[in-house]
């Protein structure tokens, strides 16, 4: 499996509740429509046990069968729609993106 991990922060001026709602209700369904996606999970950050604010507002994971499926999915009209929508949600300057090969141990 090939996976992309997105470490994200909300765009400046967007409050946390609005961010979570937009990410879950609007952006999530757009990203989920990309062809070949096997799994898509959002992780919404919460305050840590020490009360400290998290460095990121969350991260997302998207799985495909392989690197070719990932590339085709991202280049598709649905992939381009997800990328365009991201600008209204995320602080693109702070976003970090990793493409990885997943090795499940347990």
PDB file of N, CA and C in Angstrom:
ATOM      1  N   UNK A   1       0.843  -1.190   0.000  1.00  0.00           N
ATOM      2  CA  UNK A   1       0.000   0.000   0.000  1.00  0.00           C
ATOM      3  C   UNK A   1       0.882   1.245   0.000  1.00  0.00           C
ATOM      4  N   UNK A   2       0.416   2.256  -0.690  1.00  0.00           N
ATOM      5  CA  UNK A   2       1.057   3.565  -0.682  1.00  0.00           C
ATOM      6  C   UNK A   2       0.114   4.522   0.025  1.00  0.00           C
ATOM      7  N   UNK A   3       0.690   5.370   0.837  1.00  0.00           N
ATOM      8  CA  UNK A   3      -0.129   6.283   1.636  1.00  0.00           C
ATOM      9  C   UNK A   3       0.487   7.668   1.601  1.00  0.00           C
ATOM     10  N   UNK A   4      -0.368   8.681   1.674  1.00  0.00           N
ATOM     11  CA  UNK A   4       0.087  10.057   1.880  1.00  0.00           C
ATOM     12  C   UNK A   4      -0.389  10.483   3.254  1.00  0.00           C
ATOM     13  N   UNK A   5       0.482  11.193   3.946  1.00  0.00           N
ATOM     14  CA  UNK A   5       0.163  11.760   5.252  1.00  0.00           C
ATOM     15  C   UNK A   5       0.273  13.269   5.126  1.00  0.00           C
ATOM     16  N   UNK A   6      -0.760  13.966   5.574  1.00  0.00           N
ATOM     17  CA  UNK A   6      -0.813  15.421   5.511  1.00  0.00           C
ATOM     18  C   UNK A   6      -0.856  15.966   6.935  1.00  0.00           C
ATOM     19  N   UNK A   7       0.165  16.705   7.353  1.00  0.00           N
ATOM     20  CA  UNK A   7       0.148  17.405   8.643  1.00  0.00           C
ATOM     21  C   UNK A   7      -0.399  18.790   8.350  1.00  0.00           C
ATOM     22  N   UNK A   8      -1.513  19.165   9.001  1.00  0.00           N
ATOM     23  CA  UNK A   8      -2.233  20.369   8.589  1.00  0.00           C
ATOM     24  C   UNK A   8      -2.534  21.314   9.748  1.00  0.00           C
ATOM     25  N   UNK A   9      -2.631  22.582   9.381  1.00  0.00           N
ATOM     26  CA  UNK A   9      -3.120  23.638  10.257  1.00  0.00           C
ATOM     27  C   UNK A   9      -4.218  24.373   9.512  1.00  0.00           C
ATOM     28  N   UNK A  10      -5.157  24.892  10.256  1.00  0.00           N
ATOM     29  CA  UNK A  10      -6.242  25.649   9.629  1.00  0.00           C
ATOM     30  C   UNK A  10      -5.691  26.966   9.075  1.00  0.00           C
ATOM     31  N   UNK A  11      -6.387  27.492   8.069  1.00  0.00           N
ATOM     32  CA  UNK A  11      -5.951  28.753   7.468  1.00  0.00           C
ATOM     33  C   UNK A  11      -6.095  29.876   8.492  1.00  0.00           C
ATOM     34  N   UNK A  12      -5.269  30.898   8.402  1.00  0.00           N
ATOM     35  CA  UNK A  12      -5.373  32.022   9.338  1.00  0.00           C
ATOM     36  C   UNK A  12      -6.781  32.628   9.328  1.00  0.00           C
ATOM     37  N   UNK A  13      -7.276  32.956  10.500  1.00  0.00           N
ATOM     38  CA  UNK A  13      -8.592  33.564  10.636  1.00  0.00           C
ATOM     39  C   UNK A  13      -9.733  32.575  10.810  1.00  0.00           C
ATOM     40  N   UNK A  14      -9.460  31.286  10.699  1.00  0.00           N
ATOM     41  CA  UNK A  14     -10.503  30.267  10.838  1.00  0.00           C
ATOM     42  C   UNK A  14     -10.431  29.698  12.250  1.00  0.00           C
ATOM     43  N   UNK A  15     -11.569  29.667  12.956  1.00  0.00           N
ATOM     44  CA  UNK A  15     -11.528  29.103  14.315  1.00  0.00           C
ATOM     45  C   UNK A  15     -11.584  27.582  14.261  1.00  0.00           C
ATOM     46  N   UNK A  16     -11.242  26.959  15.375  1.00  0.00           N
ATOM     47  CA  UNK A  16     -11.095  25.502  15.431  1.00  0.00           C
ATOM     48  C   UNK A  16     -12.392  24.768  15.102  1.00  0.00           C
ATOM     49  N   UNK A  17     -13.526  25.235  15.594  1.00  0.00           N
ATOM     50  CA  UNK A  17     -14.800  24.563  15.316  1.00  0.00           C
ATOM     51  C   UNK A  17     -15.154  24.640  13.839  1.00  0.00           C
ATOM     52  N   UNK A  18     -14.973  25.824  13.253  1.00  0.00           N
ATOM     53  CA  UNK A  18     -15.245  25.998  11.828  1.00  0.00           C
ATOM     54  C   UNK A  18     -14.323  25.087  11.006  1.00  0.00           C
ATOM     55  N   UNK A  19     -13.058  25.019  11.409  1.00  0.00           N
ATOM     56  CA  UNK A  19     -12.082  24.182  10.711  1.00  0.00           C
ATOM     57  C   UNK A  19     -12.512  22.711  10.723  1.00  0.00           C
ATOM     58  N   UNK A  20     -12.844  22.206  11.902  1.00  0.00           N
ATOM     59  CA  UNK A  20     -13.247  20.794  11.997  1.00  0.00           C
ATOM     60  C   UNK A  20     -14.491  20.513  11.179  1.00  0.00           C
ATOM     61  N   UNK A  21     -15.451  21.399  11.233  1.00  0.00           N
ATOM     62  CA  UNK A  21     -16.696  21.215  10.485  1.00  0.00           C
ATOM     63  C   UNK A  21     -16.410  21.195   8.974  1.00  0.00           C
ATOM     64  N   UNK A  22     -15.639  22.175   8.498  1.00  0.00           N
ATOM     65  CA  UNK A  22     -15.299  22.262   7.074  1.00  0.00           C
ATOM     66  C   UNK A  22     -14.519  21.025   6.639  1.00  0.00           C
ATOM     67  N   UNK A  23     -13.520  20.646   7.431  1.00  0.00           N
ATOM     68  CA  UNK A  23     -12.675  19.514   7.064  1.00  0.00           C
ATOM     69  C   UNK A  23     -13.504  18.229   6.974  1.00  0.00           C
ATOM     70  N   UNK A  24     -14.384  18.010   7.949  1.00  0.00           N
ATOM     71  CA  UNK A  24     -15.190  16.796   7.998  1.00  0.00           C
ATOM     72  C   UNK A  24     -16.326  16.807   6.985  1.00  0.00           C
ATOM     73  N   UNK A  25     -17.064  17.899   6.915  1.00  0.00           N
ATOM     74  CA  UNK A  25     -18.297  17.928   6.138  1.00  0.00           C
ATOM     75  C   UNK A  25     -18.130  18.355   4.689  1.00  0.00           C
ATOM     76  N   UNK A  26     -17.117  19.167   4.399  1.00  0.00           N
ATOM     77  CA  UNK A  26     -16.943  19.640   3.026  1.00  0.00           C
ATOM     78  C   UNK A  26     -15.715  19.016   2.356  1.00  0.00           C
ATOM     79  N   UNK A  27     -14.534  19.247   2.942  1.00  0.00           N
ATOM     80  CA  UNK A  27     -13.310  18.778   2.286  1.00  0.00           C
ATOM     81  C   UNK A  27     -13.217  17.253   2.280  1.00  0.00           C
ATOM     82  N   UNK A  28     -13.576  16.623   3.381  1.00  0.00           N
ATOM     83  CA  UNK A  28     -13.489  15.168   3.466  1.00  0.00           C
ATOM     84  C   UNK A  28     -14.220  14.457   2.337  1.00  0.00           C
ATOM     85  N   UNK A  29     -15.485  14.784   2.106  1.00  0.00           N
ATOM     86  CA  UNK A  29     -16.196  14.117   1.005  1.00  0.00           C
ATOM     87  C   UNK A  29     -15.585  14.398  -0.373  1.00  0.00           C
ATOM     88  N   UNK A  30     -15.020  15.589  -0.565  1.00  0.00           N
ATOM     89  CA  UNK A  30     -14.363  15.895  -1.840  1.00  0.00           C
ATOM     90  C   UNK A  30     -13.153  14.984  -2.025  1.00  0.00           C
ATOM     91  N   UNK A  31     -12.308  14.890  -0.994  1.00  0.00           N
ATOM     92  CA  UNK A  31     -11.110  14.046  -1.075  1.00  0.00           C
ATOM     93  C   UNK A  31     -11.478  12.572  -1.210  1.00  0.00           C
ATOM     94  N   UNK A  32     -12.538  12.152  -0.560  1.00  0.00           N
ATOM     95  CA  UNK A  32     -12.945  10.741  -0.592  1.00  0.00           C
ATOM     96  C   UNK A  32     -13.413  10.306  -1.981  1.00  0.00           C
ATOM     97  N   UNK A  33     -13.777  11.251  -2.832  1.00  0.00           N
ATOM     98  CA  UNK A  33     -14.235  10.921  -4.188  1.00  0.00           C
ATOM     99  C   UNK A  33     -13.084  10.683  -5.170  1.00  0.00           C
ATOM    100  N   UNK A  34     -11.844  10.901  -4.747  1.00  0.00           N
ATOM    101  CA  UNK A  34     -10.726  10.672  -5.662  1.00  0.00           C
ATOM    102  C   UNK A  34     -10.696   9.192  -6.050  1.00  0.00           C
ATOM    103  N   UNK A  35     -10.482   8.891  -7.326  1.00  0.00           N
ATOM    104  CA  UNK A  35     -10.496   7.491  -7.749  1.00  0.00           C
ATOM    105  C   UNK A  35      -9.344   6.695  -7.126  1.00  0.00           C
ATOM    106  N   UNK A  36      -9.638   5.456  -6.795  1.00  0.00           N
ATOM    107  CA  UNK A  36      -8.610   4.562  -6.291  1.00  0.00           C
ATOM    108  C   UNK A  36      -8.313   4.665  -4.807  1.00  0.00           C
ATOM    109  N   UNK A  37      -8.956   5.598  -4.106  1.00  0.00           N
ATOM    110  CA  UNK A  37      -8.710   5.741  -2.669  1.00  0.00           C
ATOM    111  C   UNK A  37      -9.252   4.514  -1.948  1.00  0.00           C
ATOM    112  N   UNK A  38      -8.394   3.852  -1.164  1.00  0.00           N
ATOM    113  CA  UNK A  38      -8.786   2.662  -0.406  1.00  0.00           C
ATOM    114  C   UNK A  38      -9.225   3.003   1.010  1.00  0.00           C
ATOM    115  N   UNK A  39      -8.636   4.063   1.562  1.00  0.00           N
ATOM    116  CA  UNK A  39      -8.984   4.470   2.924  1.00  0.00           C
ATOM    117  C   UNK A  39      -8.579   5.928   3.090  1.00  0.00           C
ATOM    118  N   UNK A  40      -9.394   6.669   3.826  1.00  0.00           N
ATOM    119  CA  UNK A  40      -9.111   8.077   4.107  1.00  0.00           C
ATOM    120  C   UNK A  40      -9.516   8.332   5.552  1.00  0.00           C
ATOM    121  N   UNK A  41      -8.566   8.792   6.363  1.00  0.00           N
ATOM    122  CA  UNK A  41      -8.819   9.028   7.782  1.00  0.00           C
ATOM    123  C   UNK A  41      -8.327  10.415   8.155  1.00  0.00           C
ATOM    124  N   UNK A  42      -9.161  11.141   8.880  1.00  0.00           N
ATOM    125  CA  UNK A  42      -8.762  12.434   9.450  1.00  0.00           C
ATOM    126  C   UNK A  42      -8.513  12.249  10.938  1.00  0.00           C
ATOM    127  N   UNK A  43      -7.469  12.901  11.424  1.00  0.00           N
ATOM    128  CA  UNK A  43      -7.150  12.893  12.851  1.00  0.00           C
ATOM    129  C   UNK A  43      -7.178  14.343  13.322  1.00  0.00           C
ATOM    130  N   UNK A  44      -8.140  14.676  14.165  1.00  0.00           N
ATOM    131  CA  UNK A  44      -8.309  16.038  14.660  1.00  0.00           C
ATOM    132  C   UNK A  44      -7.581  16.171  15.993  1.00  0.00           C
ATOM    133  N   UNK A  45      -6.619  17.093  16.065  1.00  0.00           N
ATOM    134  CA  UNK A  45      -5.802  17.258  17.267  1.00  0.00           C
ATOM    135  C   UNK A  45      -6.635  17.828  18.419  1.00  0.00           C
ATOM    136  N   UNK A  46      -6.276  17.409  19.614  1.00  0.00           N
ATOM    137  CA  UNK A  46      -6.882  17.912  20.844  1.00  0.00           C
ATOM    138  C   UNK A  46      -5.767  18.410  21.758  1.00  0.00           C
ATOM    139  N   UNK A  47      -6.130  19.138  22.771  1.00  0.00           N
ATOM    140  CA  UNK A  47      -5.155  19.613  23.741  1.00  0.00           C
ATOM    141  C   UNK A  47      -4.514  18.423  24.442  1.00  0.00           C
ATOM    142  N   UNK A  48      -3.203  18.481  24.618  1.00  0.00           N
ATOM    143  CA  UNK A  48      -2.474  17.394  25.250  1.00  0.00           C
ATOM    144  C   UNK A  48      -2.750  17.292  26.733  1.00  0.00           C
ATOM    145  N   UNK A  49      -2.281  16.220  27.368  1.00  0.00           N
ATOM    146  CA  UNK A  49      -2.519  16.026  28.803  1.00  0.00           C
ATOM    147  C   UNK A  49      -1.901  17.118  29.662  1.00  0.00           C
ATOM    148  N   UNK A  50      -0.900  17.801  29.130  1.00  0.00           N
ATOM    149  CA  UNK A  50      -0.273  18.896  29.872  1.00  0.00           C
ATOM    150  C   UNK A  50      -0.952  20.235  29.620  1.00  0.00           C
ATOM    151  N   UNK A  51      -2.011  20.233  28.792  1.00  0.00           N
ATOM    152  CA  UNK A  51      -2.744  21.456  28.481  1.00  0.00           C
ATOM    153  C   UNK A  51      -2.156  22.251  27.336  1.00  0.00           C
ATOM    154  N   UNK A  52      -1.056  21.771  26.766  1.00  0.00           N
ATOM    155  CA  UNK A  52      -0.406  22.491  25.678  1.00  0.00           C
ATOM    156  C   UNK A  52      -1.196  22.335  24.379  1.00  0.00           C
ATOM    157  N   UNK A  53      -1.224  23.416  23.622  1.00  0.00           N
ATOM    158  CA  UNK A  53      -1.866  23.373  22.313  1.00  0.00           C
ATOM    159  C   UNK A  53      -1.003  22.554  21.357  1.00  0.00           C
ATOM    160  N   UNK A  54      -1.624  21.759  20.495  1.00  0.00           N
ATOM    161  CA  UNK A  54      -0.845  20.964  19.551  1.00  0.00           C
ATOM    162  C   UNK A  54      -0.178  21.846  18.496  1.00  0.00           C
ATOM    163  N   UNK A  55       0.931  21.355  17.952  1.00  0.00           N
ATOM    164  CA  UNK A  55       1.644  22.087  16.909  1.00  0.00           C
ATOM    165  C   UNK A  55       0.854  22.132  15.609  1.00  0.00           C
ATOM    166  N   UNK A  56       0.086  21.063  15.350  1.00  0.00           N
ATOM    167  CA  UNK A  56      -0.745  20.985  14.154  1.00  0.00           C
ATOM    168  C   UNK A  56      -2.199  20.814  14.577  1.00  0.00           C
ATOM    169  N   UNK A  57      -3.121  21.235  13.700  1.00  0.00           N
ATOM    170  CA  UNK A  57      -4.541  21.050  13.979  1.00  0.00           C
ATOM    171  C   UNK A  57      -4.986  19.626  13.689  1.00  0.00           C
ATOM    172  N   UNK A  58      -4.169  18.887  12.972  1.00  0.00           N
ATOM    173  CA  UNK A  58      -4.495  17.498  12.709  1.00  0.00           C
ATOM    174  C   UNK A  58      -3.646  16.926  11.601  1.00  0.00           C
ATOM    175  N   UNK A  59      -3.956  15.678  11.273  1.00  0.00           N
ATOM    176  CA  UNK A  59      -3.317  15.068  10.114  1.00  0.00           C
ATOM    177  C   UNK A  59      -4.298  14.117   9.454  1.00  0.00           C
ATOM    178  N   UNK A  60      -4.048  13.890   8.188  1.00  0.00           N
ATOM    179  CA  UNK A  60      -4.896  12.983   7.412  1.00  0.00           C
ATOM    180  C   UNK A  60      -4.019  11.931   6.764  1.00  0.00           C
ATOM    181  N   UNK A  61      -4.623  10.758   6.549  1.00  0.00           N
ATOM    182  CA  UNK A  61      -3.970   9.663   5.853  1.00  0.00           C
ATOM    183  C   UNK A  61      -4.878   9.222   4.714  1.00  0.00           C
ATOM    184  N   UNK A  62      -4.279   9.056   3.537  1.00  0.00           N
ATOM    185  CA  UNK A  62      -5.027   8.544   2.384  1.00  0.00           C
ATOM    186  C   UNK A  62      -4.223   7.391   1.792  1.00  0.00           C
ATOM    187  N   UNK A  63      -4.891   6.236   1.603  1.00  0.00           N
ATOM    188  CA  UNK A  63      -4.249   5.025   1.094  1.00  0.00           C
ATOM    189  C   UNK A  63      -4.676   4.738  -0.345  1.00  0.00           C
ATOM    190  N   UNK A  64      -3.703   4.235  -1.127  1.00  0.00           N
ATOM    191  CA  UNK A  64      -3.939   3.701  -2.469  1.00  0.00           C
ATOM    192  C   UNK A  64      -3.227   2.363  -2.589  1.00  0.00           C
ATOM    193  N   UNK A  65      -3.540   1.615  -3.631  1.00  0.00           N
ATOM    194  CA  UNK A  65      -2.898   0.319  -3.843  1.00  0.00           C
ATOM    195  C   UNK A  65      -1.394   0.454  -4.081  1.00  0.00           C
ATOM    196  N   UNK A  66      -0.996   1.486  -4.841  1.00  0.00           N
ATOM    197  CA  UNK A  66       0.415   1.652  -5.172  1.00  0.00           C
ATOM    198  C   UNK A  66       0.667   3.097  -5.607  1.00  0.00           C
ATOM    199  N   UNK A  67       1.926   3.402  -5.893  1.00  0.00           N
ATOM    200  CA  UNK A  67       2.311   4.764  -6.269  1.00  0.00           C
ATOM    201  C   UNK A  67       1.643   5.225  -7.565  1.00  0.00           C
ATOM    202  N   UNK A  68       1.448   4.305  -8.489  1.00  0.00           N
ATOM    203  CA  UNK A  68       0.798   4.659  -9.759  1.00  0.00           C
ATOM    204  C   UNK A  68      -0.660   5.058  -9.533  1.00  0.00           C
ATOM    205  N   UNK A  69      -1.348   4.319  -8.681  1.00  0.00           N
ATOM    206  CA  UNK A  69      -2.740   4.652  -8.360  1.00  0.00           C
ATOM    207  C   UNK A  69      -2.811   5.997  -7.655  1.00  0.00           C
ATOM    208  N   UNK A  70      -1.846   6.270  -6.767  1.00  0.00           N
ATOM    209  CA  UNK A  70      -1.812   7.554  -6.069  1.00  0.00           C
ATOM    210  C   UNK A  70      -1.635   8.699  -7.067  1.00  0.00           C
ATOM    211  N   UNK A  71      -0.667   8.569  -7.971  1.00  0.00           N
ATOM    212  CA  UNK A  71      -0.403   9.624  -8.949  1.00  0.00           C
ATOM    213  C   UNK A  71      -1.616   9.870  -9.839  1.00  0.00           C
ATOM    214  N   UNK A  72      -2.254   8.809 -10.300  1.00  0.00           N
ATOM    215  CA  UNK A  72      -3.435   8.958 -11.147  1.00  0.00           C
ATOM    216  C   UNK A  72      -4.576   9.620 -10.392  1.00  0.00           C
ATOM    217  N   UNK A  73      -4.746   9.254  -9.139  1.00  0.00           N
ATOM    218  CA  UNK A  73      -5.809   9.813  -8.312  1.00  0.00           C
ATOM    219  C   UNK A  73      -5.606  11.309  -8.090  1.00  0.00           C
ATOM    220  N   UNK A  74      -4.391  11.689  -7.757  1.00  0.00           N
ATOM    221  CA  UNK A  74      -4.097  13.101  -7.504  1.00  0.00           C
ATOM    222  C   UNK A  74      -4.226  13.946  -8.769  1.00  0.00           C
ATOM    223  N   UNK A  75      -3.932  13.349  -9.930  1.00  0.00           N
ATOM    224  CA  UNK A  75      -4.022  14.074 -11.201  1.00  0.00           C
ATOM    225  C   UNK A  75      -5.436  14.124 -11.768  1.00  0.00           C
ATOM    226  N   UNK A  76      -6.339  13.338 -11.211  1.00  0.00           N
ATOM    227  CA  UNK A  76      -7.713  13.272 -11.710  1.00  0.00           C
ATOM    228  C   UNK A  76      -8.460  14.573 -11.437  1.00  0.00           C
ATOM    229  N   UNK A  77      -9.591  14.785 -12.119  1.00  0.00           N
ATOM    230  CA  UNK A  77     -10.402  15.962 -11.813  1.00  0.00           C
ATOM    231  C   UNK A  77     -10.812  16.021 -10.336  1.00  0.00           C
ATOM    232  N   UNK A  78     -11.103  14.864  -9.735  1.00  0.00           N
ATOM    233  CA  UNK A  78     -11.460  14.828  -8.315  1.00  0.00           C
ATOM    234  C   UNK A  78     -10.266  15.196  -7.432  1.00  0.00           C
ATOM    235  N   UNK A  79      -9.085  14.744  -7.816  1.00  0.00           N
ATOM    236  CA  UNK A  79      -7.873  15.121  -7.083  1.00  0.00           C
ATOM    237  C   UNK A  79      -7.587  16.609  -7.193  1.00  0.00           C
ATOM    238  N   UNK A  80      -7.793  17.157  -8.370  1.00  0.00           N
ATOM    239  CA  UNK A  80      -7.593  18.592  -8.564  1.00  0.00           C
ATOM    240  C   UNK A  80      -8.628  19.400  -7.776  1.00  0.00           C
ATOM    241  N   UNK A  81      -9.858  18.884  -7.676  1.00  0.00           N
ATOM    242  CA  UNK A  81     -10.897  19.556  -6.876  1.00  0.00           C
ATOM    243  C   UNK A  81     -10.513  19.557  -5.397  1.00  0.00           C
ATOM    244  N   UNK A  82      -9.961  18.442  -4.905  1.00  0.00           N
ATOM    245  CA  UNK A  82      -9.536  18.379  -3.505  1.00  0.00           C
ATOM    246  C   UNK A  82      -8.404  19.363  -3.249  1.00  0.00           C
ATOM    247  N   UNK A  83      -7.465  19.451  -4.172  1.00  0.00           N
ATOM    248  CA  UNK A  83      -6.353  20.393  -4.010  1.00  0.00           C
ATOM    249  C   UNK A  83      -6.855  21.835  -4.015  1.00  0.00           C
ATOM    250  N   UNK A  84      -7.775  22.164  -4.912  1.00  0.00           N
ATOM    251  CA  UNK A  84      -8.324  23.520  -4.971  1.00  0.00           C
ATOM    252  C   UNK A  84      -9.084  23.864  -3.694  1.00  0.00           C
ATOM    253  N   UNK A  85      -9.838  22.912  -3.167  1.00  0.00           N
ATOM    254  CA  UNK A  85     -10.604  23.159  -1.947  1.00  0.00           C
ATOM    255  C   UNK A  85      -9.694  23.337  -0.739  1.00  0.00           C
ATOM    256  N   UNK A  86      -8.542  22.685  -0.743  1.00  0.00           N
ATOM    257  CA  UNK A  86      -7.612  22.770   0.385  1.00  0.00           C
ATOM    258  C   UNK A  86      -7.190  24.203   0.681  1.00  0.00           C
ATOM    259  N   UNK A  87      -7.115  25.042  -0.332  1.00  0.00           N
ATOM    260  CA  UNK A  87      -6.692  26.435  -0.138  1.00  0.00           C
ATOM    261  C   UNK A  87      -7.666  27.216   0.747  1.00  0.00           C
ATOM    262  N   UNK A  88      -8.929  26.826   0.775  1.00  0.00           N
ATOM    263  CA  UNK A  88      -9.912  27.492   1.622  1.00  0.00           C
ATOM    264  C   UNK A  88      -9.957  26.964   3.035  1.00  0.00           C
ATOM    265  N   UNK A  89      -9.177  25.934   3.306  1.00  0.00           N
ATOM    266  CA  UNK A  89      -9.229  25.254   4.587  1.00  0.00           C
ATOM    267  C   UNK A  89      -7.901  25.285   5.334  1.00  0.00           C
ATOM    268  N   UNK A  90      -6.822  24.941   4.647  1.00  0.00           N
ATOM    269  CA  UNK A  90      -5.533  24.754   5.302  1.00  0.00           C
ATOM    270  C   UNK A  90      -4.598  25.944   5.131  1.00  0.00           C
ATOM    271  N   UNK A  91      -3.685  26.085   6.074  1.00  0.00           N
ATOM    272  CA  UNK A  91      -2.565  27.014   5.948  1.00  0.00           C
ATOM    273  C   UNK A  91      -1.532  26.280   5.092  1.00  0.00           C
ATOM    274  N   UNK A  92      -1.583  26.501   3.800  1.00  0.00           N
ATOM    275  CA  UNK A  92      -0.765  25.758   2.835  1.00  0.00           C
ATOM    276  C   UNK A  92       0.725  25.943   3.110  1.00  0.00           C
ATOM    277  N   UNK A  93       1.113  27.118   3.594  1.00  0.00           N
ATOM    278  CA  UNK A  93       2.525  27.388   3.886  1.00  0.00           C
ATOM    279  C   UNK A  93       3.076  26.460   4.970  1.00  0.00           C
ATOM    280  N   UNK A  94       2.246  26.058   5.911  1.00  0.00           N
ATOM    281  CA  UNK A  94       2.684  25.216   7.035  1.00  0.00           C
ATOM    282  C   UNK A  94       2.430  23.731   6.810  1.00  0.00           C
ATOM    283  N   UNK A  95       1.664  23.387   5.788  1.00  0.00           N
ATOM    284  CA  UNK A  95       1.316  21.987   5.542  1.00  0.00           C
ATOM    285  C   UNK A  95       2.577  21.171   5.218  1.00  0.00           C
ATOM    286  N   UNK A  96       2.626  19.972   5.766  1.00  0.00           N
ATOM    287  CA  UNK A  96       3.692  19.030   5.438  1.00  0.00           C
ATOM    288  C   UNK A  96       3.039  17.774   4.872  1.00  0.00           C
ATOM    289  N   UNK A  97       3.607  17.271   3.792  1.00  0.00           N
ATOM    290  CA  UNK A  97       3.032  16.123   3.101  1.00  0.00           C
ATOM    291  C   UNK A  97       4.120  15.070   2.894  1.00  0.00           C
ATOM    292  N   UNK A  98       3.772  13.824   3.208  1.00  0.00           N
ATOM    293  CA  UNK A  98       4.692  12.710   3.043  1.00  0.00           C
ATOM    294  C   UNK A  98       4.003  11.609   2.244  1.00  0.00           C
ATOM    295  N   UNK A  99       4.687  11.069   1.253  1.00  0.00           N
ATOM    296  CA  UNK A  99       4.229   9.853   0.588  1.00  0.00           C
ATOM    297  C   UNK A  99       5.060   8.722   1.177  1.00  0.00           C
ATOM    298  N   UNK A 100       4.384   7.670   1.611  1.00  0.00           N
ATOM    299  CA  UNK A 100       5.086   6.577   2.295  1.00  0.00           C
ATOM    300  C   UNK A 100       4.569   5.229   1.821  1.00  0.00           C
ATOM    301  N   UNK A 101       5.401   4.219   1.979  1.00  0.00           N
ATOM    302  CA  UNK A 101       4.999   2.836   1.812  1.00  0.00           C
ATOM    303  C   UNK A 101       4.709   2.313   3.216  1.00  0.00           C
ATOM    304  N   UNK A 102       3.534   1.826   3.429  1.00  0.00           N
ATOM    305  CA  UNK A 102       3.147   1.359   4.760  1.00  0.00           C
ATOM    306  C   UNK A 102       3.568  -0.077   4.958  1.00  0.00           C
ATOM    307  N   UNK A 103       4.190  -0.344   6.089  1.00  0.00           N
ATOM    308  CA  UNK A 103       4.542  -1.699   6.495  1.00  0.00           C
ATOM    309  C   UNK A 103       3.834  -1.974   7.811  1.00  0.00           C
ATOM    310  N   UNK A 104       2.792  -2.780   7.784  1.00  0.00           N
ATOM    311  CA  UNK A 104       2.042  -3.091   8.999  1.00  0.00           C
ATOM    312  C   UNK A 104       2.763  -4.197   9.762  1.00  0.00           C
ATOM    313  N   UNK A 105       3.042  -3.966  11.021  1.00  0.00           N
ATOM    314  CA  UNK A 105       3.745  -4.925  11.858  1.00  0.00           C
ATOM    315  C   UNK A 105       2.757  -5.783  12.636  1.00  0.00           C
ATOM    316  N   UNK A 106       1.726  -5.193  13.173  1.00  0.00           N
ATOM    317  CA  UNK A 106       0.704  -5.942  13.916  1.00  0.00           C
ATOM    318  C   UNK A 106      -0.652  -5.637  13.311  1.00  0.00           C
TER     319      UNK A 106
END
